[in-house]
Amino acid sequence: MAKEPGVKKKPEINAVVGGLVDAGSEEAVTLTGFVSASSREGYVRLFTALNNMSRSIEIAESDILASVELPKSGLGAVALWVKRDAALHHHIVETAASCATRTSSGGGFTTVRRGGLRMRVRPQARDVCTCEYFCDGTQCVPCTCECLPQ
C-alpha cells in the first residue's frame, strides 16, 4: 500500500499550544488587544479595541504567563494569558463632569427596550450601550456594542 502524500499517522504537536501549556496557561484567562507601555514600572497596558483608546487594562508583567501575536489582525494585536488571580487595573478616561453626573444621579432608573430585551438603566445610560469584552472563563473576546439614541 503506497503512502499518500500529506497523510500522517501521528499528529504533529502544535508548538504554540505546547509552549502555552508549558507556561502554565491552563490556569489562566486570555485577553486580546494591543499592548502599550505603562507609566508604572513592571506593568503594561492592554487596549482591547482601537476605536476607544480611553479604556485600557493595566497588567503586571509578572502576571502574564504567555503572549502570542495575532497575525491576522494586521495591526499588532496579541493574545495574553494572564494568571486567573491577577489584579487587573481598568483605566477609563472621561471628563470630570460626566463622571460627576454618572455617580451623583441617585438610584433612579428608566426602562429601555433593545430588540426583545427590556432593561432598567440609569437615565444617562439610556442612549449608550457599551461592553469591553466577554469572558466565559476560558477566554475574553473584545467587542463593541453601540445603541441608537431614543
Protein backbone atom coordinates (compact mmCIF):
# COMPACT_ATOMS: atom_id res chain seq x y z
CA MET A 1 0.00 0.00 0.00
CA ALA A 2 1.51 3.29 -1.12
CA LYS A 3 1.72 6.13 1.37
CA GLU A 4 -0.45 9.10 0.35
CA PRO A 5 1.30 12.47 0.32
CA GLY A 6 0.29 14.76 3.19
CA VAL A 7 -1.24 11.94 5.25
CA LYS A 8 0.48 11.29 8.58
CA LYS A 9 -0.16 8.60 11.14
CA LYS A 10 0.87 10.65 14.17
CA PRO A 11 -0.39 14.24 14.53
CA GLU A 12 2.18 16.98 14.96
CA ILE A 13 2.26 18.80 18.26
CA ASN A 14 1.36 22.46 17.84
CA ALA A 15 4.41 24.40 19.01
CA VAL A 16 2.37 27.40 20.16
CA VAL A 17 -0.04 25.30 22.21
CA GLY A 18 2.82 23.26 23.66
CA GLY A 19 4.58 26.44 24.77
CA LEU A 20 1.39 27.79 26.33
CA VAL A 21 0.81 24.59 28.29
CA ASP A 22 4.43 24.64 29.48
CA ALA A 23 3.96 28.25 30.64
CA GLY A 24 1.02 27.23 32.83
CA SER A 25 -1.65 28.88 30.71
CA GLU A 26 -4.19 26.16 31.50
CA GLU A 27 -4.80 28.08 34.74
CA ALA A 28 -5.11 31.48 33.05
CA VAL A 29 -7.57 33.77 31.31
CA THR A 30 -6.96 35.03 27.80
CA LEU A 31 -7.15 38.73 26.98
CA THR A 32 -6.71 40.08 23.48
CA GLY A 33 -5.82 43.56 22.34
CA PHE A 34 -2.93 45.93 21.75
CA VAL A 35 -0.06 46.25 24.23
CA SER A 36 1.41 49.61 25.19
CA ALA A 37 3.89 50.80 27.78
CA SER A 38 2.57 51.75 31.20
CA SER A 39 3.62 54.68 33.34
CA ARG A 40 4.21 52.16 36.15
CA GLU A 41 7.40 50.11 36.16
CA GLY A 42 6.78 46.38 35.66
CA TYR A 43 3.34 46.87 34.06
CA VAL A 44 1.91 47.01 30.53
CA ARG A 45 -1.36 48.46 29.30
CA LEU A 46 -3.68 46.45 27.08
CA PHE A 47 -6.12 48.33 24.86
CA THR A 48 -8.92 45.91 23.97
CA ALA A 49 -10.01 47.95 20.94
CA LEU A 50 -8.54 50.74 18.87
CA ASN A 51 -11.87 52.51 18.36
CA ASN A 52 -11.94 53.61 22.03
CA MET A 53 -8.49 54.43 23.37
CA SER A 54 -9.96 55.90 26.57
CA ARG A 55 -10.29 52.40 28.05
CA SER A 56 -7.42 50.07 28.89
CA ILE A 57 -6.33 47.37 31.32
CA GLU A 58 -3.06 47.61 33.23
CA ILE A 59 -1.42 44.23 33.89
CA ALA A 60 1.68 43.38 35.92
CA GLU A 61 4.29 41.79 33.67
CA SER A 62 4.79 39.12 36.36
CA ASP A 63 1.12 38.08 35.93
CA ILE A 64 1.49 37.44 32.18
CA LEU A 65 2.20 33.76 31.59
CA ALA A 66 2.48 33.90 27.80
CA SER A 67 1.74 36.06 24.80
CA VAL A 68 1.20 35.32 21.13
CA GLU A 69 0.96 37.79 18.28
CA LEU A 70 -2.29 37.55 16.31
CA PRO A 71 -1.02 37.82 12.72
CA LYS A 72 -4.44 38.22 11.11
CA SER A 73 -5.03 41.49 12.97
CA GLY A 74 -2.50 43.27 10.77
CA LEU A 75 -2.08 45.95 13.46
CA GLY A 76 -0.06 44.02 16.03
CA ALA A 77 -2.80 42.62 18.26
CA VAL A 78 -1.76 39.99 20.79
CA ALA A 79 -3.35 37.35 22.97
CA LEU A 80 -2.14 37.43 26.58
CA TRP A 81 -2.56 34.55 29.02
CA VAL A 82 -2.87 36.17 32.44
CA LYS A 83 -2.94 34.47 35.84
CA ARG A 84 -6.52 33.87 36.91
CA ASP A 85 -5.93 35.61 40.26
CA ALA A 86 -4.10 38.64 38.79
CA ALA A 87 -5.17 42.11 39.94
CA LEU A 88 -6.14 43.94 36.75
CA HIS A 89 -6.37 47.73 36.83
CA HIS A 90 -9.06 49.07 34.49
CA HIS A 91 -8.48 52.61 33.22
CA ILE A 92 -11.37 54.70 31.93
CA VAL A 93 -10.66 58.25 30.83
CA GLU A 94 -13.64 60.62 30.98
CA THR A 95 -14.34 64.22 31.84
CA ALA A 96 -14.95 65.19 35.46
CA ALA A 97 -18.42 66.49 34.54
CA SER A 98 -19.56 63.19 33.00
CA CYS A 99 -18.14 61.25 35.95
CA ALA A 100 -19.92 63.52 38.46
CA THR A 101 -23.20 63.22 36.56
CA ARG A 102 -22.90 59.44 36.42
CA THR A 103 -22.07 58.99 40.10
CA SER A 104 -24.48 61.58 41.56
CA SER A 105 -27.59 60.64 39.61
CA GLY A 106 -29.08 58.73 42.52
CA GLY A 107 -30.91 55.45 42.28
CA GLY A 108 -33.46 56.44 39.62
CA PHE A 109 -33.76 54.01 36.74
CA THR A 110 -35.56 54.12 33.42
CA THR A 111 -36.79 51.24 31.27
CA VAL A 112 -35.16 50.67 27.87
CA ARG A 113 -36.08 48.16 25.16
CA ARG A 114 -33.42 46.79 22.81
CA GLY A 115 -34.80 44.18 20.44
CA GLY A 116 -36.62 41.66 22.62
CA LEU A 117 -34.74 42.71 25.75
CA ARG A 118 -36.19 45.05 28.38
CA MET A 119 -33.63 46.59 30.76
CA ARG A 120 -33.62 49.04 33.67
CA VAL A 121 -30.74 51.51 33.37
CA ARG A 122 -29.76 54.86 34.82
CA PRO A 123 -31.20 57.72 32.72
CA GLN A 124 -27.81 58.92 31.44
CA ALA A 125 -27.03 55.38 30.17
CA ARG A 126 -30.33 55.14 28.29
CA ASP A 127 -28.77 56.12 24.96
CA VAL A 128 -25.37 54.49 25.45
CA CYS A 129 -24.65 50.77 25.39
CA THR A 130 -21.07 49.62 25.70
CA CYS A 131 -19.21 46.48 26.54
CA GLU A 132 -15.47 45.93 26.79
CA TYR A 133 -15.13 42.20 26.40
CA PHE A 134 -16.98 38.97 27.04
CA CYS A 135 -15.34 36.46 29.38
CA ASP A 136 -16.66 32.93 29.68
CA GLY A 137 -13.91 31.68 31.99
CA THR A 138 -11.75 30.30 29.21
CA GLN A 139 -11.26 33.34 27.03
CA CYS A 140 -12.12 37.02 26.69
CA VAL A 141 -13.32 38.29 23.35
CA PRO A 142 -13.24 42.05 22.67
CA CYS A 143 -16.48 43.51 21.43
CA THR A 144 -18.03 46.87 20.76
CA CYS A 145 -21.73 47.48 21.22
CA GLU A 146 -23.46 50.67 20.21
CA CYS A 147 -27.10 51.61 20.73
CA LEU A 148 -29.05 54.28 18.90
CA PRO A 149 -30.41 57.25 20.88
CA GLN A 150 -34.10 57.02 21.73
